[in-house]
């Protein structure tokens, strides 16, 4: 690794949220893992975004926001319910 790159990079914890000033870092990490599992489940079932949103009983725009990582306002409980609906 060159010296310039070493000056830019900083080793932190394995929780990416801990390094960016997020209040509930462990909660966000758990939620991101749930979302990852949700997306994996949708893909394994070969569901179109429309079909997945239908099964989850949410609108397509909401599902797409979740898939883009915009899930801060959604509770862990709600995300786990989504997993159960597809399970």
PDB file of N, CA and C in Angstrom:
ATOM      1  N   UNK A   1       0.848  -1.164   0.000  1.00  0.00           N
ATOM      2  CA  UNK A   1       0.000   0.000   0.000  1.00  0.00           C
ATOM      3  C   UNK A   1       0.899   1.234   0.000  1.00  0.00           C
ATOM      4  N   UNK A   2       0.578   2.192  -0.853  1.00  0.00           N
ATOM      5  CA  UNK A   2       1.442   3.369  -0.899  1.00  0.00           C
ATOM      6  C   UNK A   2       1.126   4.323   0.250  1.00  0.00           C
ATOM      7  N   UNK A   3       2.044   5.210   0.538  1.00  0.00           N
ATOM      8  CA  UNK A   3       1.945   6.101   1.700  1.00  0.00           C
ATOM      9  C   UNK A   3       0.734   7.026   1.607  1.00  0.00           C
ATOM     10  N   UNK A   4       0.421   7.502   0.406  1.00  0.00           N
ATOM     11  CA  UNK A   4      -0.711   8.414   0.243  1.00  0.00           C
ATOM     12  C   UNK A   4      -2.024   7.712   0.592  1.00  0.00           C
ATOM     13  N   UNK A   5      -2.176   6.479   0.145  1.00  0.00           N
ATOM     14  CA  UNK A   5      -3.380   5.709   0.435  1.00  0.00           C
ATOM     15  C   UNK A   5      -3.471   5.388   1.920  1.00  0.00           C
ATOM     16  N   UNK A   6      -2.366   5.089   2.543  1.00  0.00           N
ATOM     17  CA  UNK A   6      -2.362   4.809   3.976  1.00  0.00           C
ATOM     18  C   UNK A   6      -2.839   6.011   4.777  1.00  0.00           C
ATOM     19  N   UNK A   7      -2.551   7.215   4.316  1.00  0.00           N
ATOM     20  CA  UNK A   7      -2.994   8.421   5.007  1.00  0.00           C
ATOM     21  C   UNK A   7      -4.496   8.639   4.888  1.00  0.00           C
ATOM     22  N   UNK A   8      -5.104   8.102   3.860  1.00  0.00           N
ATOM     23  CA  UNK A   8      -6.536   8.278   3.630  1.00  0.00           C
ATOM     24  C   UNK A   8      -7.348   7.235   4.391  1.00  0.00           C
ATOM     25  N   UNK A   9      -6.899   5.998   4.376  1.00  0.00           N
ATOM     26  CA  UNK A   9      -7.650   4.901   4.986  1.00  0.00           C
ATOM     27  C   UNK A   9      -7.483   4.880   6.493  1.00  0.00           C
ATOM     28  N   UNK A  10      -8.563   4.524   7.152  1.00  0.00           N
ATOM     29  CA  UNK A  10      -8.526   4.393   8.601  1.00  0.00           C
ATOM     30  C   UNK A  10      -9.215   3.083   8.955  1.00  0.00           C
ATOM     31  N   UNK A  11      -8.555   2.258   9.731  1.00  0.00           N
ATOM     32  CA  UNK A  11      -9.125   0.988  10.158  1.00  0.00           C
ATOM     33  C   UNK A  11     -10.095   1.270  11.304  1.00  0.00           C
ATOM     34  N   UNK A  12     -11.332   0.777  11.168  1.00  0.00           N
ATOM     35  CA  UNK A  12     -12.330   0.947  12.223  1.00  0.00           C
ATOM     36  C   UNK A  12     -12.921  -0.409  12.566  1.00  0.00           C
ATOM     37  N   UNK A  13     -13.995  -0.398  13.308  1.00  0.00           N
ATOM     38  CA  UNK A  13     -14.654  -1.656  13.671  1.00  0.00           C
ATOM     39  C   UNK A  13     -15.312  -2.260  12.438  1.00  0.00           C
ATOM     40  N   UNK A  14     -15.837  -3.463  12.589  1.00  0.00           N
ATOM     41  CA  UNK A  14     -16.513  -4.123  11.478  1.00  0.00           C
ATOM     42  C   UNK A  14     -17.916  -3.556  11.261  1.00  0.00           C
ATOM     43  N   UNK A  15     -18.379  -2.711  12.143  1.00  0.00           N
ATOM     44  CA  UNK A  15     -19.682  -2.076  12.013  1.00  0.00           C
ATOM     45  C   UNK A  15     -19.503  -0.746  11.293  1.00  0.00           C
ATOM     46  N   UNK A  16     -19.926  -0.688  10.037  1.00  0.00           N
ATOM     47  CA  UNK A  16     -19.727   0.534   9.249  1.00  0.00           C
ATOM     48  C   UNK A  16     -20.462   1.723   9.833  1.00  0.00           C
ATOM     49  N   UNK A  17     -21.560   1.486  10.526  1.00  0.00           N
ATOM     50  CA  UNK A  17     -22.336   2.583  11.103  1.00  0.00           C
ATOM     51  C   UNK A  17     -21.609   3.241  12.271  1.00  0.00           C
ATOM     52  N   UNK A  18     -20.733   2.497  12.943  1.00  0.00           N
ATOM     53  CA  UNK A  18     -20.001   3.050  14.082  1.00  0.00           C
ATOM     54  C   UNK A  18     -19.053   4.161  13.645  1.00  0.00           C
ATOM     55  N   UNK A  19     -18.578   4.109  12.420  1.00  0.00           N
ATOM     56  CA  UNK A  19     -17.624   5.088  11.941  1.00  0.00           C
ATOM     57  C   UNK A  19     -18.233   6.324  11.316  1.00  0.00           C
ATOM     58  N   UNK A  20     -19.564   6.375  11.222  1.00  0.00           N
ATOM     59  CA  UNK A  20     -20.185   7.523  10.546  1.00  0.00           C
ATOM     60  C   UNK A  20     -21.181   8.271  11.420  1.00  0.00           C
ATOM     61  N   UNK A  21     -21.004   8.214  12.710  1.00  0.00           N
ATOM     62  CA  UNK A  21     -21.803   9.013  13.643  1.00  0.00           C
ATOM     63  C   UNK A  21     -23.293   8.705  13.555  1.00  0.00           C
ATOM     64  N   UNK A  22     -23.648   7.436  13.640  1.00  0.00           N
ATOM     65  CA  UNK A  22     -25.040   7.006  13.695  1.00  0.00           C
ATOM     66  C   UNK A  22     -25.332   6.632  15.140  1.00  0.00           C
ATOM     67  N   UNK A  23     -26.470   7.091  15.662  1.00  0.00           N
ATOM     68  CA  UNK A  23     -26.785   6.881  17.078  1.00  0.00           C
ATOM     69  C   UNK A  23     -26.891   5.413  17.468  1.00  0.00           C
ATOM     70  N   UNK A  24     -27.725   4.657  16.790  1.00  0.00           N
ATOM     71  CA  UNK A  24     -27.972   3.260  17.148  1.00  0.00           C
ATOM     72  C   UNK A  24     -27.208   2.336  16.202  1.00  0.00           C
ATOM     73  N   UNK A  25     -25.904   2.287  16.377  1.00  0.00           N
ATOM     74  CA  UNK A  25     -25.064   1.546  15.434  1.00  0.00           C
ATOM     75  C   UNK A  25     -25.388   0.057  15.409  1.00  0.00           C
ATOM     76  N   UNK A  26     -25.583  -0.557  16.555  1.00  0.00           N
ATOM     77  CA  UNK A  26     -25.856  -1.996  16.561  1.00  0.00           C
ATOM     78  C   UNK A  26     -27.224  -2.293  15.961  1.00  0.00           C
ATOM     79  N   UNK A  27     -28.194  -1.425  16.204  1.00  0.00           N
ATOM     80  CA  UNK A  27     -29.518  -1.609  15.609  1.00  0.00           C
ATOM     81  C   UNK A  27     -29.442  -1.497  14.089  1.00  0.00           C
ATOM     82  N   UNK A  28     -28.733  -0.503  13.600  1.00  0.00           N
ATOM     83  CA  UNK A  28     -28.613  -0.326  12.150  1.00  0.00           C
ATOM     84  C   UNK A  28     -27.891  -1.505  11.511  1.00  0.00           C
ATOM     85  N   UNK A  29     -26.900  -2.045  12.190  1.00  0.00           N
ATOM     86  CA  UNK A  29     -26.205  -3.199  11.643  1.00  0.00           C
ATOM     87  C   UNK A  29     -27.128  -4.411  11.587  1.00  0.00           C
ATOM     88  N   UNK A  30     -27.933  -4.617  12.639  1.00  0.00           N
ATOM     89  CA  UNK A  30     -28.891  -5.736  12.629  1.00  0.00           C
ATOM     90  C   UNK A  30     -29.910  -5.542  11.515  1.00  0.00           C
ATOM     91  N   UNK A  31     -30.426  -4.327  11.381  1.00  0.00           N
ATOM     92  CA  UNK A  31     -31.413  -4.056  10.343  1.00  0.00           C
ATOM     93  C   UNK A  31     -30.822  -4.257   8.946  1.00  0.00           C
ATOM     94  N   UNK A  32     -29.579  -3.854   8.762  1.00  0.00           N
ATOM     95  CA  UNK A  32     -28.964  -4.036   7.442  1.00  0.00           C
ATOM     96  C   UNK A  32     -28.803  -5.524   7.125  1.00  0.00           C
ATOM     97  N   UNK A  33     -28.531  -6.340   8.136  1.00  0.00           N
ATOM     98  CA  UNK A  33     -28.433  -7.787   7.914  1.00  0.00           C
ATOM     99  C   UNK A  33     -29.806  -8.367   7.567  1.00  0.00           C
ATOM    100  N   UNK A  34     -30.849  -7.888   8.225  1.00  0.00           N
ATOM    101  CA  UNK A  34     -32.205  -8.356   7.916  1.00  0.00           C
ATOM    102  C   UNK A  34     -32.559  -7.990   6.484  1.00  0.00           C
ATOM    103  N   UNK A  35     -32.247  -6.765   6.080  1.00  0.00           N
ATOM    104  CA  UNK A  35     -32.537  -6.323   4.708  1.00  0.00           C
ATOM    105  C   UNK A  35     -31.742  -7.165   3.710  1.00  0.00           C
ATOM    106  N   UNK A  36     -30.501  -7.449   4.029  1.00  0.00           N
ATOM    107  CA  UNK A  36     -29.688  -8.306   3.160  1.00  0.00           C
ATOM    108  C   UNK A  36     -30.362  -9.669   2.998  1.00  0.00           C
ATOM    109  N   UNK A  37     -30.840 -10.238   4.095  1.00  0.00           N
ATOM    110  CA  UNK A  37     -31.530 -11.530   4.041  1.00  0.00           C
ATOM    111  C   UNK A  37     -32.836 -11.428   3.258  1.00  0.00           C
ATOM    112  N   UNK A  38     -33.547 -10.319   3.414  1.00  0.00           N
ATOM    113  CA  UNK A  38     -34.791 -10.097   2.684  1.00  0.00           C
ATOM    114  C   UNK A  38     -34.535 -10.066   1.178  1.00  0.00           C
ATOM    115  N   UNK A  39     -33.528  -9.328   0.775  1.00  0.00           N
ATOM    116  CA  UNK A  39     -33.190  -9.231  -0.649  1.00  0.00           C
ATOM    117  C   UNK A  39     -32.754 -10.587  -1.187  1.00  0.00           C
ATOM    118  N   UNK A  40     -31.972 -11.301  -0.403  1.00  0.00           N
ATOM    119  CA  UNK A  40     -31.527 -12.638  -0.801  1.00  0.00           C
ATOM    120  C   UNK A  40     -32.730 -13.565  -0.998  1.00  0.00           C
ATOM    121  N   UNK A  41     -33.706 -13.481  -0.111  1.00  0.00           N
ATOM    122  CA  UNK A  41     -34.909 -14.306  -0.199  1.00  0.00           C
ATOM    123  C   UNK A  41     -35.725 -13.949  -1.440  1.00  0.00           C
ATOM    124  N   UNK A  42     -35.880 -12.666  -1.698  1.00  0.00           N
ATOM    125  CA  UNK A  42     -36.599 -12.217  -2.899  1.00  0.00           C
ATOM    126  C   UNK A  42     -35.913 -12.754  -4.144  1.00  0.00           C
ATOM    127  N   UNK A  43     -34.595 -12.652  -4.186  1.00  0.00           N
ATOM    128  CA  UNK A  43     -33.846 -13.134  -5.348  1.00  0.00           C
ATOM    129  C   UNK A  43     -33.926 -14.652  -5.489  1.00  0.00           C
ATOM    130  N   UNK A  44     -33.850 -15.371  -4.378  1.00  0.00           N
ATOM    131  CA  UNK A  44     -33.886 -16.839  -4.445  1.00  0.00           C
ATOM    132  C   UNK A  44     -35.238 -17.344  -4.931  1.00  0.00           C
ATOM    133  N   UNK A  45     -36.285 -16.589  -4.647  1.00  0.00           N
ATOM    134  CA  UNK A  45     -37.629 -16.956  -5.111  1.00  0.00           C
ATOM    135  C   UNK A  45     -37.901 -16.416  -6.519  1.00  0.00           C
ATOM    136  N   UNK A  46     -36.932 -15.715  -7.061  1.00  0.00           N
ATOM    137  CA  UNK A  46     -37.019 -15.126  -8.394  1.00  0.00           C
ATOM    138  C   UNK A  46     -38.271 -14.258  -8.554  1.00  0.00           C
ATOM    139  N   UNK A  47     -38.521 -13.452  -7.530  1.00  0.00           N
ATOM    140  CA  UNK A  47     -39.682 -12.570  -7.553  1.00  0.00           C
ATOM    141  C   UNK A  47     -39.329 -11.264  -8.245  1.00  0.00           C
ATOM    142  N   UNK A  48     -40.232 -10.791  -9.055  1.00  0.00           N
ATOM    143  CA  UNK A  48     -40.055  -9.455  -9.624  1.00  0.00           C
ATOM    144  C   UNK A  48     -40.266  -8.453  -8.491  1.00  0.00           C
ATOM    145  N   UNK A  49     -39.769  -7.248  -8.646  1.00  0.00           N
ATOM    146  CA  UNK A  49     -40.010  -6.243  -7.606  1.00  0.00           C
ATOM    147  C   UNK A  49     -41.501  -6.034  -7.320  1.00  0.00           C
ATOM    148  N   UNK A  50     -42.313  -6.040  -8.381  1.00  0.00           N
ATOM    149  CA  UNK A  50     -43.766  -5.880  -8.191  1.00  0.00           C
ATOM    150  C   UNK A  50     -44.359  -7.032  -7.385  1.00  0.00           C
ATOM    151  N   UNK A  51     -43.972  -8.262  -7.722  1.00  0.00           N
ATOM    152  CA  UNK A  51     -44.492  -9.436  -7.016  1.00  0.00           C
ATOM    153  C   UNK A  51     -44.051  -9.429  -5.556  1.00  0.00           C
ATOM    154  N   UNK A  52     -42.798  -9.071  -5.312  1.00  0.00           N
ATOM    155  CA  UNK A  52     -42.286  -9.029  -3.940  1.00  0.00           C
ATOM    156  C   UNK A  52     -43.038  -7.970  -3.136  1.00  0.00           C
ATOM    157  N   UNK A  53     -43.233  -6.797  -3.706  1.00  0.00           N
ATOM    158  CA  UNK A  53     -43.958  -5.727  -3.011  1.00  0.00           C
ATOM    159  C   UNK A  53     -45.382  -6.168  -2.699  1.00  0.00           C
ATOM    160  N   UNK A  54     -46.000  -6.867  -3.635  1.00  0.00           N
ATOM    161  CA  UNK A  54     -47.356  -7.386  -3.420  1.00  0.00           C
ATOM    162  C   UNK A  54     -47.394  -8.351  -2.245  1.00  0.00           C
ATOM    163  N   UNK A  55     -46.480  -9.305  -2.233  1.00  0.00           N
ATOM    164  CA  UNK A  55     -46.434 -10.285  -1.145  1.00  0.00           C
ATOM    165  C   UNK A  55     -46.125  -9.629   0.200  1.00  0.00           C
ATOM    166  N   UNK A  56     -45.311  -8.590   0.174  1.00  0.00           N
ATOM    167  CA  UNK A  56     -44.937  -7.888   1.400  1.00  0.00           C
ATOM    168  C   UNK A  56     -46.002  -6.884   1.844  1.00  0.00           C
ATOM    169  N   UNK A  57     -46.977  -6.659   0.959  1.00  0.00           N
ATOM    170  CA  UNK A  57     -48.061  -5.709   1.227  1.00  0.00           C
ATOM    171  C   UNK A  57     -47.542  -4.293   1.454  1.00  0.00           C
ATOM    172  N   UNK A  58     -46.566  -3.921   0.604  1.00  0.00           N
ATOM    173  CA  UNK A  58     -46.052  -2.556   0.601  1.00  0.00           C
ATOM    174  C   UNK A  58     -46.022  -2.080  -0.839  1.00  0.00           C
ATOM    175  N   UNK A  59     -45.942  -0.781  -1.036  1.00  0.00           N
ATOM    176  CA  UNK A  59     -45.875  -0.313  -2.419  1.00  0.00           C
ATOM    177  C   UNK A  59     -44.465  -0.497  -2.974  1.00  0.00           C
ATOM    178  N   UNK A  60     -44.401  -0.545  -4.271  1.00  0.00           N
ATOM    179  CA  UNK A  60     -43.131  -0.801  -4.956  1.00  0.00           C
ATOM    180  C   UNK A  60     -42.073   0.237  -4.589  1.00  0.00           C
ATOM    181  N   UNK A  61     -42.464   1.492  -4.508  1.00  0.00           N
ATOM    182  CA  UNK A  61     -41.501   2.550  -4.179  1.00  0.00           C
ATOM    183  C   UNK A  61     -40.874   2.298  -2.804  1.00  0.00           C
ATOM    184  N   UNK A  62     -41.671   1.836  -1.865  1.00  0.00           N
ATOM    185  CA  UNK A  62     -41.164   1.546  -0.520  1.00  0.00           C
ATOM    186  C   UNK A  62     -40.152   0.404  -0.573  1.00  0.00           C
ATOM    187  N   UNK A  63     -40.462  -0.656  -1.310  1.00  0.00           N
ATOM    188  CA  UNK A  63     -39.532  -1.777  -1.450  1.00  0.00           C
ATOM    189  C   UNK A  63     -38.223  -1.314  -2.089  1.00  0.00           C
ATOM    190  N   UNK A  64     -38.314  -0.507  -3.105  1.00  0.00           N
ATOM    191  CA  UNK A  64     -37.097  -0.036  -3.779  1.00  0.00           C
ATOM    192  C   UNK A  64     -36.248   0.831  -2.863  1.00  0.00           C
ATOM    193  N   UNK A  65     -36.886   1.624  -2.006  1.00  0.00           N
ATOM    194  CA  UNK A  65     -36.120   2.422  -1.032  1.00  0.00           C
ATOM    195  C   UNK A  65     -35.394   1.501  -0.045  1.00  0.00           C
ATOM    196  N   UNK A  66     -36.082   0.460   0.413  1.00  0.00           N
ATOM    197  CA  UNK A  66     -35.456  -0.500   1.326  1.00  0.00           C
ATOM    198  C   UNK A  66     -34.250  -1.145   0.655  1.00  0.00           C
ATOM    199  N   UNK A  67     -34.413  -1.552  -0.590  1.00  0.00           N
ATOM    200  CA  UNK A  67     -33.319  -2.207  -1.312  1.00  0.00           C
ATOM    201  C   UNK A  67     -32.139  -1.274  -1.536  1.00  0.00           C
ATOM    202  N   UNK A  68     -32.398   0.033  -1.566  1.00  0.00           N
ATOM    203  CA  UNK A  68     -31.316   1.018  -1.719  1.00  0.00           C
ATOM    204  C   UNK A  68     -30.687   1.400  -0.384  1.00  0.00           C
ATOM    205  N   UNK A  69     -31.167   0.781   0.690  1.00  0.00           N
ATOM    206  CA  UNK A  69     -30.580   1.053   1.999  1.00  0.00           C
ATOM    207  C   UNK A  69     -31.272   2.136   2.793  1.00  0.00           C
ATOM    208  N   UNK A  70     -32.439   2.550   2.348  1.00  0.00           N
ATOM    209  CA  UNK A  70     -33.188   3.599   3.050  1.00  0.00           C
ATOM    210  C   UNK A  70     -34.245   2.944   3.939  1.00  0.00           C
ATOM    211  N   UNK A  71     -33.775   2.387   5.058  1.00  0.00           N
ATOM    212  CA  UNK A  71     -34.680   1.644   5.949  1.00  0.00           C
ATOM    213  C   UNK A  71     -34.588   2.104   7.388  1.00  0.00           C
ATOM    214  N   UNK A  72     -33.984   3.237   7.626  1.00  0.00           N
ATOM    215  CA  UNK A  72     -33.797   3.734   8.995  1.00  0.00           C
ATOM    216  C   UNK A  72     -35.119   3.863   9.734  1.00  0.00           C
ATOM    217  N   UNK A  73     -36.176   4.328   9.048  1.00  0.00           N
ATOM    218  CA  UNK A  73     -37.456   4.566   9.707  1.00  0.00           C
ATOM    219  C   UNK A  73     -38.273   3.294   9.927  1.00  0.00           C
ATOM    220  N   UNK A  74     -37.818   2.177   9.398  1.00  0.00           N
ATOM    221  CA  UNK A  74     -38.551   0.912   9.523  1.00  0.00           C
ATOM    222  C   UNK A  74     -37.998   0.140  10.716  1.00  0.00           C
ATOM    223  N   UNK A  75     -38.890  -0.345  11.548  1.00  0.00           N
ATOM    224  CA  UNK A  75     -38.447  -1.063  12.746  1.00  0.00           C
ATOM    225  C   UNK A  75     -37.907  -2.446  12.384  1.00  0.00           C
ATOM    226  N   UNK A  76     -37.087  -2.975  13.272  1.00  0.00           N
ATOM    227  CA  UNK A  76     -36.589  -4.345  13.093  1.00  0.00           C
ATOM    228  C   UNK A  76     -37.758  -5.316  13.030  1.00  0.00           C
ATOM    229  N   UNK A  77     -38.764  -5.082  13.861  1.00  0.00           N
ATOM    230  CA  UNK A  77     -39.944  -5.951  13.898  1.00  0.00           C
ATOM    231  C   UNK A  77     -40.634  -5.988  12.546  1.00  0.00           C
ATOM    232  N   UNK A  78     -40.823  -4.825  11.930  1.00  0.00           N
ATOM    233  CA  UNK A  78     -41.464  -4.749  10.612  1.00  0.00           C
ATOM    234  C   UNK A  78     -40.623  -5.469   9.559  1.00  0.00           C
ATOM    235  N   UNK A  79     -39.320  -5.308   9.614  1.00  0.00           N
ATOM    236  CA  UNK A  79     -38.447  -5.984   8.648  1.00  0.00           C
ATOM    237  C   UNK A  79     -38.522  -7.514   8.832  1.00  0.00           C
ATOM    238  N   UNK A  80     -38.559  -7.957  10.077  1.00  0.00           N
ATOM    239  CA  UNK A  80     -38.672  -9.396  10.335  1.00  0.00           C
ATOM    240  C   UNK A  80     -40.029  -9.938   9.878  1.00  0.00           C
ATOM    241  N   UNK A  81     -41.075  -9.131  10.008  1.00  0.00           N
ATOM    242  CA  UNK A  81     -42.383  -9.532   9.500  1.00  0.00           C
ATOM    243  C   UNK A  81     -42.357  -9.710   7.988  1.00  0.00           C
ATOM    244  N   UNK A  82     -41.591  -8.858   7.313  1.00  0.00           N
ATOM    245  CA  UNK A  82     -41.461  -8.982   5.862  1.00  0.00           C
ATOM    246  C   UNK A  82     -40.791 -10.307   5.500  1.00  0.00           C
ATOM    247  N   UNK A  83     -39.778 -10.684   6.257  1.00  0.00           N
ATOM    248  CA  UNK A  83     -39.100 -11.977   6.024  1.00  0.00           C
ATOM    249  C   UNK A  83     -40.105 -13.111   6.173  1.00  0.00           C
ATOM    250  N   UNK A  84     -40.928 -13.056   7.228  1.00  0.00           N
ATOM    251  CA  UNK A  84     -41.921 -14.106   7.484  1.00  0.00           C
ATOM    252  C   UNK A  84     -42.933 -14.203   6.355  1.00  0.00           C
ATOM    253  N   UNK A  85     -43.337 -13.056   5.806  1.00  0.00           N
ATOM    254  CA  UNK A  85     -44.311 -13.053   4.712  1.00  0.00           C
ATOM    255  C   UNK A  85     -43.782 -13.776   3.481  1.00  0.00           C
ATOM    256  N   UNK A  86     -42.469 -13.711   3.276  1.00  0.00           N
ATOM    257  CA  UNK A  86     -41.872 -14.378   2.122  1.00  0.00           C
ATOM    258  C   UNK A  86     -41.430 -15.803   2.432  1.00  0.00           C
ATOM    259  N   UNK A  87     -41.222 -16.070   3.736  1.00  0.00           N
ATOM    260  CA  UNK A  87     -40.659 -17.332   4.181  1.00  0.00           C
ATOM    261  C   UNK A  87     -41.452 -18.528   3.824  1.00  0.00           C
TER     262      UNK A  87
END
